[in-house]
Amino acid sequence: MKYVLVSGGVISGVGKGIIASSCGLLFKTAGLTVSTIKIDPYLNIDAGLMNPLEHGEVFVCDDGAETDLDLGNYERYLGVTLGGDNNITTGKIYHHVINKERRGDYLGKTVQIVPHLTNEIQNWVERVAKIAVDESGREPDLGGTVGDIESAPFVEAMSQLQRRAGKGNFLVIQVSYVPLIGSEQKTKPTQRAISDIRSAGLRPDLIACRCETPLEEATIQKVANACQVERDQVVGVHNVPTTYQVPILLEKQGFLNTISSLLQIDTIKKDQKLVDQGTVIWQEWQGLALSQDHVFETVTIALVGKYTSLHDSYMSVSKALEHVSRPKDEHRTSKPGEYYTAWHHITTANGILVPGGFGERGTEGMIKSAQWARSNNIPYLGICLGMQLAVVEFARNVCGMDKAGSSEFNEQCEQPVIVYMPEIDKSKLGGTMRLGKRATIFQPGSEWSRLRNLYGEKQEVWERHRHRYEVNPALIEKLETAGLSFIGKDEAGERMEIIELKDHKWFVGVQFHPEYLSRVLAPSKTFLGFFAAAAGCLEPITQVFRDRQDLSHQEVKLPVV
């Protein structure tokens, strides 16, 4: 097993996740299987109860784990399926050790940070690194690209793992920021960061320098000399139009050759099928990344959400839109005084998207957005909360239920269209939602559905969920009689999963989160249909893709969002 540790220095948000993802992608193009692990220093057991405005979105895995958003980046880049164990937090590892101590697993010993906690971190990494994460079912060749090492126990554990793995099996990439002062690239912060990580017991084998402009040769030589590494062990990662170009930027600098040599990759026996697949992946990736510079047509999507002041709050939604388009610009409005500007964006948009969220704040504005889209035949996509509010809007303005609302916002709601799921434990919040990958069954008579037609002959779809509330089963018949079609339900036919209006360009709401399974080279069909409808090309797109499982940016040119 080969390990690559990605750590950061100088400032946070320097790009460890993108470097880690790019590293993994380059390994995959060489025919290797790759798994990833993310280590976060916070004491939370998971990210489920963390505020999106502080931490960014909560990413949900197939197994229902609520994790850091970087796992979403790894899945999208690498085309792998990760689980809760691929995200280690300080809280999770301490919880694990304390539970073992309570069971008596340590046989009366005094439990300490070293060696007990650090051993458990190493054991966790080694165990998870060997779990197959892609369709090949093969044990990964490279087990674990780890980011955000910020606290002493984890650094010590990685230092010990470096020795445990042995020479040629463990590589450290330090991502460091090189600021631009005037026209001069400053290397002192990087020198300081390298000194700090070495004093903690880790010796970086490769230094990835994040910078505003291409790294100058003199700067590269200065970093190499000051940090006692070879010239080819320093790479520059300057600003590029899209993060999809970062792997190409690294490849041009011989990044893969350098780390392959340091890790003795030639000793790994490769599967020729995976090597061939890697070649195809790289060709498609280059086509995707380089085509981002060309604009064909502009389509405006209004994202009407609760957490728009922080871009990372809707990371997966933004990426899913990127997968079916080529992003150009976006508008974010959050201040009350900007209401009219925000409404102008909504009423002039080609499509309206209302994503998930929790709490009452902003929901009346989302309901008005759904009403505008429905009344004016504007393509609409509602995800989780966005679907629920579209049902509330329909109940109020089509079914005549003036006091229709959600029990989430008012437990004494007179006409609860959205209700608490009965099996959910109300006594606690963490980990009690309906989570993970579940089936949605297309209902008989829904063959007309625009969304269903994108799936060809498939009778069911599997998507990831994260919710506590659902459409009130007692009102389904009334809503359907008025024209709101529930074209997708759960396996028991009791829980509403997909709504759609028949006489509309595209008015779709889904209880699941399709953004979690959207991939760079295999976009979500839910997002594809919505965007194509907004771009006015839904019919030809449906004709091309209805019988296909995988999508390629190479074959169909979609407009810019």
Protein backbone atom coordinates (compact mmCIF):
# COMPACT_ATOMS: atom_id res chain seq x y z
CA MET A 1 0.00 0.00 0.00
CA LYS A 2 1.27 3.44 -0.98
CA TYR A 3 0.25 6.54 0.97
CA VAL A 4 0.19 10.20 -0.05
CA LEU A 5 -0.30 12.77 2.71
CA VAL A 6 -1.38 16.25 1.65
CA SER A 7 -0.87 18.92 4.30
CA GLY A 8 -1.18 22.70 4.20
CA GLY A 9 0.77 25.67 5.42
CA VAL A 10 0.79 29.48 5.68
CA ILE A 11 -3.00 29.99 5.37
CA SER A 12 -6.16 27.89 5.35
CA GLY A 13 -8.11 27.39 2.13
CA VAL A 14 -4.87 27.17 0.16
CA GLY A 15 -6.18 24.38 -2.04
CA LYS A 16 -5.25 21.12 -0.32
CA GLY A 17 -8.46 19.45 -1.50
CA ILE A 18 -7.92 20.33 -5.16
CA ILE A 19 -4.27 19.25 -5.03
CA ALA A 20 -5.27 15.99 -3.37
CA SER A 21 -8.03 15.37 -5.93
CA SER A 22 -5.72 16.22 -8.83
CA CYS A 23 -3.06 13.88 -7.46
CA GLY A 24 -5.59 11.06 -7.23
CA LEU A 25 -6.88 11.73 -10.74
CA LEU A 26 -3.38 11.57 -12.22
CA PHE A 27 -2.81 8.24 -10.49
CA LYS A 28 -6.08 6.95 -11.97
CA THR A 29 -5.04 8.01 -15.47
CA ALA A 30 -1.96 5.83 -14.95
CA GLY A 31 -4.20 2.81 -14.31
CA LEU A 32 -4.02 2.79 -10.51
CA THR A 33 -6.92 2.47 -8.07
CA VAL A 34 -7.14 5.24 -5.49
CA SER A 35 -8.96 5.83 -2.22
CA THR A 36 -9.09 9.04 -0.20
CA ILE A 37 -9.44 9.99 3.45
CA LYS A 38 -10.09 13.45 4.88
CA ILE A 39 -8.99 14.36 8.42
CA ASP A 40 -10.67 17.33 10.11
CA PRO A 41 -9.51 18.65 13.50
CA TYR A 42 -12.91 19.66 14.89
CA LEU A 43 -14.53 17.86 17.83
CA ASN A 44 -17.83 17.22 16.07
CA ILE A 45 -18.52 13.53 15.42
CA ASP A 46 -19.52 14.48 11.88
CA ALA A 47 -20.58 17.54 9.88
CA GLY A 48 -24.33 16.88 10.21
CA LEU A 49 -25.10 19.69 12.66
CA MET A 50 -22.61 22.24 11.37
CA ASN A 51 -23.84 25.58 10.04
CA PRO A 52 -23.40 25.77 6.23
CA LEU A 53 -22.55 29.47 6.54
CA GLU A 54 -19.55 28.59 8.73
CA HIS A 55 -18.38 25.25 7.38
CA GLY A 56 -19.89 24.95 3.91
CA GLU A 57 -22.27 22.25 2.77
CA VAL A 58 -22.77 18.90 4.43
CA PHE A 59 -21.94 16.15 1.96
CA VAL A 60 -23.89 12.89 2.25
CA CYS A 61 -22.41 9.51 1.26
CA ASP A 62 -24.18 6.35 0.09
CA ASP A 63 -24.10 4.93 3.61
CA GLY A 64 -25.82 8.05 5.00
CA ALA A 65 -22.71 9.56 6.58
CA GLU A 66 -22.76 13.36 6.84
CA THR A 67 -19.23 14.48 6.01
CA ASP A 68 -16.97 17.35 5.04
CA LEU A 69 -17.58 18.82 1.58
CA ASP A 70 -14.11 17.74 0.42
CA LEU A 71 -15.37 14.15 0.16
CA GLY A 72 -17.71 15.46 -2.53
CA ASN A 73 -14.74 16.91 -4.39
CA TYR A 74 -12.91 13.59 -4.17
CA GLU A 75 -15.92 11.63 -5.43
CA ARG A 76 -16.55 14.03 -8.33
CA TYR A 77 -12.91 14.14 -9.42
CA LEU A 78 -12.10 10.46 -9.01
CA GLY A 79 -15.42 8.79 -9.78
CA VAL A 80 -15.26 6.82 -6.52
CA THR A 81 -17.84 6.06 -3.83
CA LEU A 82 -16.71 6.92 -0.31
CA GLY A 83 -18.28 6.34 3.11
CA GLY A 84 -18.34 7.82 6.58
CA ASP A 85 -15.06 6.16 7.56
CA ASN A 86 -13.32 8.17 4.82
CA ASN A 87 -13.82 11.27 6.98
CA ILE A 88 -12.00 11.24 10.33
CA THR A 89 -12.69 13.98 12.87
CA THR A 90 -11.09 14.58 16.25
CA GLY A 91 -14.47 13.95 17.86
CA LYS A 92 -14.94 10.69 15.99
CA ILE A 93 -11.51 9.28 16.86
CA TYR A 94 -11.77 10.29 20.54
CA HIS A 95 -15.25 8.77 20.68
CA HIS A 96 -13.84 5.55 19.23
CA VAL A 97 -10.99 5.39 21.75
CA ILE A 98 -13.22 6.22 24.72
CA ASN A 99 -15.71 3.50 23.73
CA LYS A 100 -12.86 0.98 23.56
CA GLU A 101 -11.67 2.07 27.00
CA ARG A 102 -15.18 1.68 28.46
CA ARG A 103 -15.41 -1.85 27.03
CA GLY A 104 -12.11 -2.72 28.67
CA ASP A 105 -10.24 -3.22 25.41
CA TYR A 106 -7.10 -1.63 26.84
CA LEU A 107 -6.99 -4.11 29.74
CA GLY A 108 -6.65 -1.54 32.48
CA LYS A 109 -3.85 0.46 30.92
CA THR A 110 -3.65 4.22 31.28
CA VAL A 111 -5.07 5.47 27.97
CA GLN A 112 -2.97 8.28 26.51
CA ILE A 113 -2.65 10.38 23.35
CA VAL A 114 0.54 8.47 22.54
CA PRO A 115 0.40 5.60 21.85
CA HIS A 116 -3.31 4.77 22.08
CA LEU A 117 -4.89 7.64 20.16
CA THR A 118 -2.14 7.85 17.56
CA ASN A 119 -2.26 4.08 17.05
CA GLU A 120 -6.01 4.20 16.46
CA ILE A 121 -5.56 6.95 13.85
CA GLN A 122 -2.98 4.82 12.01
CA ASN A 123 -5.13 1.69 12.26
CA TRP A 124 -8.13 3.63 10.94
CA VAL A 125 -6.20 4.97 7.96
CA GLU A 126 -4.72 1.57 7.11
CA ARG A 127 -8.11 -0.17 7.37
CA VAL A 128 -10.08 2.35 5.30
CA ALA A 129 -7.30 2.65 2.71
CA LYS A 130 -7.84 -0.99 1.71
CA ILE A 131 -11.59 -0.74 1.05
CA ALA A 132 -12.56 -0.85 -2.64
CA VAL A 133 -14.22 2.40 -3.74
CA ASP A 134 -14.89 1.94 -7.45
CA GLU A 135 -16.53 -0.48 -9.86
CA SER A 136 -13.36 -2.51 -10.31
CA GLY A 137 -13.76 -3.88 -6.77
CA ARG A 138 -9.98 -3.83 -6.52
CA GLU A 139 -8.14 -2.92 -3.33
CA PRO A 140 -6.67 0.55 -3.84
CA ASP A 141 -3.02 0.83 -4.79
CA LEU A 142 -2.78 4.21 -3.09
CA GLY A 143 -4.57 4.26 0.23
CA GLY A 144 -5.48 7.67 1.41
CA THR A 145 -4.92 11.23 0.38
CA VAL A 146 -5.35 13.13 3.62
CA GLY A 147 -5.93 16.86 4.12
CA ASP A 148 -6.30 19.39 6.93
CA ILE A 149 -3.73 18.05 9.37
CA GLU A 150 -3.90 20.78 12.00
CA SER A 151 -3.52 19.20 15.40
CA ALA A 152 -0.63 17.47 17.14
CA PRO A 153 -2.08 13.93 17.58
CA PHE A 154 -2.74 13.59 13.87
CA VAL A 155 0.67 14.93 12.88
CA GLU A 156 2.32 12.52 15.30
CA ALA A 157 0.18 9.64 13.98
CA MET A 158 1.14 10.43 10.39
CA SER A 159 4.79 10.65 11.37
CA GLN A 160 4.54 7.17 12.89
CA LEU A 161 2.61 5.86 9.87
CA GLN A 162 5.40 7.16 7.65
CA ARG A 163 7.83 4.91 9.51
CA ARG A 164 5.35 2.01 9.67
CA ALA A 165 4.68 2.11 5.91
CA GLY A 166 8.39 2.05 5.09
CA LYS A 167 10.65 3.83 2.63
CA GLY A 168 9.14 4.33 -0.82
CA ASN A 169 5.57 3.80 0.44
CA PHE A 170 4.75 7.15 2.04
CA LEU A 171 4.95 10.57 0.40
CA VAL A 172 4.20 13.99 1.88
CA ILE A 173 2.98 16.88 -0.27
CA GLN A 174 3.04 20.24 1.47
CA VAL A 175 0.74 22.84 -0.12
CA SER A 176 2.04 26.31 0.66
CA TYR A 177 1.07 29.82 -0.34
CA VAL A 178 3.53 32.08 -2.18
CA PRO A 179 2.17 35.64 -1.91
CA LEU A 180 2.71 38.22 -4.61
CA ILE A 181 3.88 41.56 -3.20
CA GLY A 182 3.91 44.04 -6.03
CA SER A 183 5.56 42.00 -8.76
CA GLU A 184 7.72 39.86 -6.46
CA GLN A 185 6.85 36.32 -5.36
CA LYS A 186 7.73 35.92 -1.67
CA THR A 187 9.07 32.56 -0.49
CA LYS A 188 9.68 33.27 3.21
CA PRO A 189 6.18 32.05 4.34
CA THR A 190 6.78 28.75 2.52
CA GLN A 191 10.22 28.33 4.09
CA ARG A 192 8.68 28.90 7.53
CA ALA A 193 5.86 26.40 6.85
CA ILE A 194 8.31 23.71 5.72
CA SER A 195 10.43 24.28 8.82
CA ASP A 196 7.34 23.94 11.04
CA ILE A 197 6.16 20.66 9.55
CA ARG A 198 9.64 19.20 9.73
CA SER A 199 9.91 20.12 13.40
CA ALA A 200 6.65 18.21 13.92
CA GLY A 201 8.18 15.04 12.50
CA LEU A 202 7.12 15.08 8.84
CA ARG A 203 9.49 15.69 5.94
CA PRO A 204 7.78 17.00 2.77
CA ASP A 205 8.83 15.16 -0.38
CA LEU A 206 7.10 17.60 -2.71
CA ILE A 207 6.15 21.25 -2.30
CA ALA A 208 3.11 22.56 -4.19
CA CYS A 209 3.28 26.36 -4.26
CA ARG A 210 -0.07 28.13 -4.63
CA CYS A 211 0.39 31.50 -6.27
CA GLU A 212 -1.50 34.19 -8.15
CA THR A 213 0.70 34.03 -11.23
CA PRO A 214 2.86 31.28 -12.78
CA LEU A 215 5.77 30.44 -10.50
CA GLU A 216 8.96 32.00 -11.80
CA GLU A 217 12.03 29.81 -12.29
CA ALA A 218 13.99 31.93 -9.82
CA THR A 219 11.26 31.41 -7.21
CA ILE A 220 11.27 27.64 -7.79
CA GLN A 221 15.04 27.49 -7.37
CA LYS A 222 14.87 29.61 -4.22
CA VAL A 223 12.24 27.33 -2.62
CA ALA A 224 14.19 24.20 -3.60
CA ASN A 225 17.47 25.53 -2.18
CA ALA A 226 15.96 26.91 1.03
CA CYS A 227 13.91 23.76 1.72
CA GLN A 228 16.60 21.25 0.70
CA VAL A 229 14.64 19.51 -2.07
CA GLU A 230 15.38 18.89 -5.74
CA ARG A 231 14.14 21.22 -8.48
CA ASP A 232 11.52 18.74 -9.70
CA GLN A 233 10.11 18.44 -6.18
CA VAL A 234 8.72 21.98 -6.38
CA VAL A 235 5.63 22.64 -8.51
CA GLY A 236 3.63 25.79 -9.06
CA VAL A 237 -0.15 25.91 -8.94
CA HIS A 238 -1.19 29.33 -10.15
CA ASN A 239 -4.71 30.66 -10.66
CA VAL A 240 -6.50 29.08 -13.64
CA PRO A 241 -10.00 29.70 -15.11
CA THR A 242 -11.34 26.43 -13.67
CA THR A 243 -10.12 23.90 -11.12
CA TYR A 244 -10.50 21.21 -13.80
CA GLN A 245 -7.32 22.59 -15.35
CA VAL A 246 -5.22 21.97 -12.22
CA PRO A 247 -4.43 18.30 -13.06
CA ILE A 248 -3.29 19.41 -16.53
CA LEU A 249 -1.14 22.14 -14.97
CA LEU A 250 0.52 19.60 -12.67
CA GLU A 251 0.98 17.03 -15.42
CA LYS A 252 2.84 19.54 -17.59
CA GLN A 253 5.36 20.04 -14.77
CA GLY A 254 6.13 16.33 -14.53
CA PHE A 255 4.19 15.96 -11.27
CA LEU A 256 3.09 12.37 -11.93
CA ASN A 257 6.59 11.25 -12.95
CA THR A 258 8.10 12.77 -9.82
CA ILE A 259 5.71 11.21 -7.33
CA SER A 260 5.73 7.89 -9.23
CA SER A 261 9.51 7.78 -8.88
CA LEU A 262 9.45 8.70 -5.19
CA LEU A 263 6.76 6.08 -4.46
CA GLN A 264 8.28 3.43 -6.74
CA ILE A 265 4.97 3.06 -8.58
CA ASP A 266 6.60 0.79 -11.18
CA THR A 267 6.62 -1.97 -8.56
CA ILE A 268 2.80 -2.10 -8.57
CA LYS A 269 1.26 -4.69 -10.88
CA LYS A 270 -1.26 -2.87 -13.07
CA ASP A 271 -4.47 -4.16 -14.65
CA GLN A 272 -4.34 -3.40 -18.40
CA LYS A 273 -8.08 -2.73 -18.43
CA LEU A 274 -7.60 0.01 -15.82
CA VAL A 275 -4.66 1.41 -17.76
CA ASP A 276 -6.84 1.67 -20.89
CA GLN A 277 -9.65 3.24 -18.88
CA GLY A 278 -7.17 5.74 -17.46
CA THR A 279 -6.16 6.81 -20.96
CA VAL A 280 -9.80 7.43 -21.88
CA ILE A 281 -10.43 9.35 -18.63
CA TRP A 282 -7.47 11.62 -19.31
CA GLN A 283 -8.56 12.34 -22.90
CA GLU A 284 -12.09 13.21 -21.74
CA TRP A 285 -10.77 15.30 -18.85
CA GLN A 286 -8.52 17.35 -21.11
CA GLY A 287 -11.39 17.94 -23.53
CA LEU A 288 -13.62 19.07 -20.68
CA ALA A 289 -11.07 21.36 -19.03
CA LEU A 290 -9.88 23.05 -22.21
CA SER A 291 -13.40 23.55 -23.61
CA GLN A 292 -14.22 25.75 -20.59
CA ASP A 293 -12.60 28.69 -22.39
CA HIS A 294 -15.17 28.69 -25.20
CA VAL A 295 -18.56 30.38 -24.80
CA PHE A 296 -21.41 29.33 -27.08
CA GLU A 297 -24.49 30.89 -25.50
CA THR A 298 -25.47 32.27 -22.10
CA VAL A 299 -28.17 30.79 -19.87
CA THR A 300 -29.06 32.42 -16.53
CA ILE A 301 -29.95 30.24 -13.54
CA ALA A 302 -31.31 31.88 -10.38
CA LEU A 303 -30.32 29.90 -7.29
CA VAL A 304 -32.77 30.90 -4.56
CA GLY A 305 -31.27 29.62 -1.31
CA LYS A 306 -30.83 30.31 2.38
CA TYR A 307 -27.02 30.31 2.55
CA THR A 308 -25.97 32.14 -0.63
CA SER A 309 -23.55 34.46 1.20
CA LEU A 310 -21.03 31.58 1.34
CA HIS A 311 -20.21 29.85 -1.94
CA ASP A 312 -19.24 26.57 -0.26
CA SER A 313 -22.75 26.22 1.23
CA TYR A 314 -24.00 24.94 -2.13
CA MET A 315 -20.76 23.41 -3.42
CA SER A 316 -22.33 20.23 -4.84
CA VAL A 317 -25.19 22.18 -6.48
CA SER A 318 -22.73 24.56 -8.11
CA LYS A 319 -20.58 21.67 -9.31
CA ALA A 320 -23.61 19.79 -10.67
CA LEU A 321 -24.47 22.87 -12.73
CA GLU A 322 -20.88 23.03 -13.93
CA HIS A 323 -21.09 19.40 -15.04
CA VAL A 324 -23.94 20.17 -17.44
CA SER A 325 -22.65 23.56 -18.57
CA ARG A 326 -19.64 25.83 -18.54
CA PRO A 327 -19.93 28.39 -15.72
CA LYS A 328 -19.47 32.04 -16.48
CA ASP A 329 -21.06 34.26 -13.85
CA GLU A 330 -23.52 34.23 -10.97
CA HIS A 331 -25.40 36.72 -8.83
CA ARG A 332 -25.69 36.48 -5.03
CA THR A 333 -28.07 38.67 -3.07
CA SER A 334 -28.49 38.36 0.68
CA LYS A 335 -29.16 41.81 2.17
CA PRO A 336 -32.80 42.89 2.76
CA GLY A 337 -32.18 46.15 0.91
CA GLU A 338 -31.34 44.18 -2.22
CA TYR A 339 -34.76 42.51 -2.42
CA TYR A 340 -35.80 44.20 -5.65
CA THR A 341 -32.49 43.40 -7.32
CA ALA A 342 -32.87 39.76 -6.26
CA TRP A 343 -36.43 39.61 -7.57
CA HIS A 344 -35.24 41.10 -10.86
CA HIS A 345 -32.70 38.29 -11.19
CA ILE A 346 -35.43 35.73 -10.55
CA THR A 347 -37.95 37.17 -12.99
CA THR A 348 -35.38 37.50 -15.77
CA ALA A 349 -33.72 34.10 -15.26
CA ASN A 350 -34.01 31.26 -17.76
CA GLY A 351 -34.39 28.78 -14.91
CA ILE A 352 -34.99 28.82 -11.14
CA LEU A 353 -33.36 26.39 -8.72
CA VAL A 354 -34.33 26.13 -5.05
CA PRO A 355 -31.90 23.85 -3.13
CA GLY A 356 -32.17 22.17 0.27
CA GLY A 357 -31.99 23.82 3.66
CA PHE A 358 -33.44 23.92 7.15
CA GLY A 359 -35.46 26.51 9.07
CA GLU A 360 -38.10 29.08 8.17
CA ARG A 361 -35.85 32.01 7.21
CA GLY A 362 -36.28 32.96 3.55
CA THR A 363 -38.88 30.30 2.76
CA GLU A 364 -41.65 32.72 1.76
CA GLY A 365 -39.33 34.14 -0.89
CA MET A 366 -38.64 30.63 -2.13
CA ILE A 367 -42.38 29.94 -2.32
CA LYS A 368 -42.86 33.09 -4.41
CA SER A 369 -40.04 31.94 -6.69
CA ALA A 370 -41.78 28.60 -7.20
CA GLN A 371 -45.04 30.40 -7.92
CA TRP A 372 -43.35 32.63 -10.50
CA ALA A 373 -41.80 29.64 -12.25
CA ARG A 374 -45.05 27.67 -12.27
CA SER A 375 -47.23 30.56 -13.42
CA ASN A 376 -44.85 31.77 -16.13
CA ASN A 377 -43.73 28.41 -17.52
CA ILE A 378 -40.12 28.97 -16.37
CA PRO A 379 -38.04 25.79 -15.82
CA TYR A 380 -37.92 25.02 -12.10
CA LEU A 381 -35.95 22.52 -10.04
CA GLY A 382 -36.68 22.10 -6.35
CA ILE A 383 -34.35 19.94 -4.26
CA CYS A 384 -35.48 18.59 -0.87
CA LEU A 385 -36.76 21.79 0.80
CA GLY A 386 -37.19 23.25 -2.70
CA MET A 387 -39.56 20.40 -3.58
CA GLN A 388 -41.49 20.73 -0.32
CA LEU A 389 -42.00 24.47 -0.78
CA ALA A 390 -43.17 23.92 -4.36
CA VAL A 391 -45.85 21.61 -2.95
CA VAL A 392 -46.82 24.24 -0.37
CA GLU A 393 -47.09 26.86 -3.13
CA PHE A 394 -49.29 24.57 -5.25
CA ALA A 395 -51.54 23.81 -2.28
CA ARG A 396 -52.00 27.50 -1.52
CA ASN A 397 -52.49 28.89 -5.01
CA VAL A 398 -54.03 25.99 -6.95
CA CYS A 399 -55.84 23.90 -4.34
CA GLY A 400 -57.15 26.93 -2.43
CA MET A 401 -55.50 25.95 0.86
CA ASP A 402 -54.72 29.49 2.02
CA LYS A 403 -53.09 28.39 5.28
CA ALA A 404 -50.98 25.60 3.79
CA GLY A 405 -47.53 25.34 5.32
CA SER A 406 -44.90 23.04 6.80
CA SER A 407 -44.79 21.54 10.28
CA GLU A 408 -41.08 22.30 10.25
CA PHE A 409 -41.83 26.01 10.56
CA ASN A 410 -45.04 25.82 12.61
CA GLU A 411 -46.01 22.71 14.58
CA GLN A 412 -49.54 24.14 14.96
CA CYS A 413 -49.94 24.71 11.21
CA GLU A 414 -53.67 24.50 10.36
CA GLN A 415 -53.06 22.93 6.94
CA PRO A 416 -49.77 20.99 7.19
CA VAL A 417 -48.76 20.02 3.66
CA ILE A 418 -45.29 19.01 4.88
CA VAL A 419 -45.10 16.86 8.02
CA TYR A 420 -42.47 15.25 10.27
CA MET A 421 -41.65 11.70 9.21
CA PRO A 422 -43.10 9.41 11.92
CA GLU A 423 -40.03 7.17 12.25
CA ILE A 424 -37.65 10.05 13.04
CA ASP A 425 -36.45 10.42 16.63
CA LYS A 426 -37.42 13.95 17.71
CA SER A 427 -35.39 13.78 20.92
CA LYS A 428 -32.09 14.47 19.19
CA LEU A 429 -30.88 16.00 15.93
CA GLY A 430 -27.54 14.42 15.04
CA GLY A 431 -27.71 11.44 12.69
CA THR A 432 -31.48 11.01 12.96
CA MET A 433 -32.58 12.06 9.47
CA ARG A 434 -33.50 9.83 6.55
CA LEU A 435 -30.01 9.55 5.15
CA GLY A 436 -28.09 7.81 2.39
CA LYS A 437 -28.69 6.16 -0.96
CA ARG A 438 -32.26 4.93 -1.50
CA ALA A 439 -34.45 3.85 -4.39
CA THR A 440 -37.10 5.96 -6.10
CA ILE A 441 -39.64 4.05 -8.21
CA PHE A 442 -41.23 5.69 -11.26
CA GLN A 443 -45.00 5.29 -11.01
CA PRO A 444 -47.31 3.69 -13.63
CA GLY A 445 -48.76 6.26 -15.99
CA SER A 446 -45.76 8.62 -15.66
CA GLU A 447 -44.28 7.74 -19.04
CA TRP A 448 -44.94 11.31 -20.18
CA SER A 449 -42.52 12.67 -17.56
CA ARG A 450 -39.68 14.77 -18.96
CA LEU A 451 -37.40 13.69 -16.12
CA ARG A 452 -38.25 10.01 -16.52
CA ASN A 453 -37.56 10.12 -20.26
CA LEU A 454 -33.94 11.02 -19.55
CA TYR A 455 -33.54 7.66 -17.81
CA GLY A 456 -34.72 5.62 -20.82
CA GLU A 457 -36.19 2.27 -19.79
CA LYS A 458 -35.12 2.46 -16.14
CA GLN A 459 -37.98 1.91 -13.69
CA GLU A 460 -36.09 3.18 -10.66
CA VAL A 461 -33.26 5.50 -9.71
CA TRP A 462 -30.98 5.46 -6.69
CA GLU A 463 -30.12 8.80 -5.11
CA ARG A 464 -28.87 10.11 -1.75
CA HIS A 465 -31.25 11.61 0.81
CA ARG A 466 -31.05 13.95 3.78
CA HIS A 467 -34.38 15.05 5.30
CA ARG A 468 -36.72 14.84 8.30
CA TYR A 469 -39.93 16.02 6.66
CA GLU A 470 -42.11 14.69 3.86
CA VAL A 471 -45.25 15.52 1.88
CA ASN A 472 -48.34 14.78 3.98
CA PRO A 473 -49.68 11.40 2.72
CA ALA A 474 -53.23 12.46 3.61
CA LEU A 475 -53.16 15.21 0.97
CA ILE A 476 -51.71 13.29 -1.97
CA GLU A 477 -55.04 12.56 -3.64
CA LYS A 478 -56.17 16.17 -3.35
CA LEU A 479 -52.91 17.50 -4.80
CA GLU A 480 -52.90 14.99 -7.66
CA THR A 481 -56.53 15.73 -8.53
CA ALA A 482 -55.54 19.41 -8.89
CA GLY A 483 -52.75 18.49 -11.33
CA LEU A 484 -49.59 17.94 -9.27
CA SER A 485 -48.18 14.56 -10.33
CA PHE A 486 -46.13 12.44 -7.93
CA ILE A 487 -44.24 10.49 -10.57
CA GLY A 488 -41.70 8.94 -8.18
CA LYS A 489 -42.25 7.25 -4.82
CA ASP A 490 -40.25 5.08 -2.42
CA GLU A 491 -40.22 1.27 -2.58
CA ALA A 492 -43.38 1.04 -0.47
CA GLY A 493 -45.21 3.62 -2.58
CA GLU A 494 -45.89 5.66 0.57
CA ARG A 495 -43.27 8.42 0.51
CA MET A 496 -43.32 11.06 -2.25
CA GLU A 497 -39.95 11.38 -4.01
CA ILE A 498 -40.57 13.29 -7.27
CA ILE A 499 -43.19 15.84 -8.31
CA GLU A 500 -43.70 17.13 -11.85
CA LEU A 501 -46.23 19.27 -13.71
CA LYS A 502 -47.34 17.77 -17.00
CA ASP A 503 -48.15 20.95 -18.96
CA HIS A 504 -44.96 22.83 -18.16
CA LYS A 505 -41.53 23.18 -19.81
CA TRP A 506 -39.89 21.68 -16.73
CA PHE A 507 -41.33 21.91 -13.25
CA VAL A 508 -39.69 19.19 -11.18
CA GLY A 509 -39.13 18.70 -7.46
CA VAL A 510 -37.11 15.88 -5.94
CA GLN A 511 -36.94 14.85 -2.30
CA PHE A 512 -33.44 13.45 -2.81
CA HIS A 513 -30.22 15.37 -3.52
CA PRO A 514 -29.10 14.60 -7.10
CA GLU A 515 -26.11 16.92 -6.75
CA TYR A 516 -24.34 14.41 -4.48
CA LEU A 517 -24.00 11.83 -7.27
CA SER A 518 -23.24 14.20 -10.13
CA ARG A 519 -19.77 13.60 -11.57
CA VAL A 520 -17.46 15.62 -13.80
CA LEU A 521 -17.69 13.10 -16.64
CA ALA A 522 -21.15 11.74 -15.70
CA PRO A 523 -23.51 14.64 -14.87
CA SER A 524 -26.75 14.21 -12.94
CA LYS A 525 -29.67 13.65 -15.30
CA THR A 526 -31.92 15.68 -13.01
CA PHE A 527 -29.62 18.70 -13.41
CA LEU A 528 -29.09 17.94 -17.09
CA GLY A 529 -32.83 18.01 -17.80
CA PHE A 530 -33.35 21.21 -15.83
CA PHE A 531 -30.48 23.03 -17.50
CA ALA A 532 -31.41 21.79 -20.97
CA ALA A 533 -34.97 23.04 -20.45
CA ALA A 534 -33.63 26.44 -19.37
CA ALA A 535 -31.40 26.47 -22.45
CA GLY A 536 -34.30 25.51 -24.74
CA CYS A 537 -32.74 22.23 -25.89
CA LEU A 538 -34.44 19.60 -23.71
CA GLU A 539 -35.90 17.56 -26.58
CA PRO A 540 -32.64 16.97 -28.50
CA ILE A 541 -30.76 16.31 -25.25
CA THR A 542 -33.38 13.76 -24.21
CA GLN A 543 -33.15 12.07 -27.60
CA VAL A 544 -29.38 11.72 -27.26
CA PHE A 545 -29.20 10.58 -23.66
CA ARG A 546 -32.39 8.70 -22.85
CA ASP A 547 -30.82 5.30 -23.50
CA ARG A 548 -27.40 6.08 -22.05
CA GLN A 549 -26.02 5.61 -18.55
CA ASP A 550 -22.96 7.83 -18.91
CA LEU A 551 -22.68 11.34 -20.30
CA SER A 552 -19.74 12.99 -22.02
CA HIS A 553 -19.04 16.67 -22.57
CA GLN A 554 -17.23 15.58 -25.72
CA GLU A 555 -20.34 14.73 -27.68
CA VAL A 556 -22.91 17.42 -26.89
CA LYS A 557 -22.09 21.11 -26.64
CA LEU A 558 -24.18 22.67 -23.88
CA PRO A 559 -24.50 26.45 -23.33
CA VAL A 560 -22.84 28.51 -20.65
CA VAL A 561 -24.58 29.18 -17.33
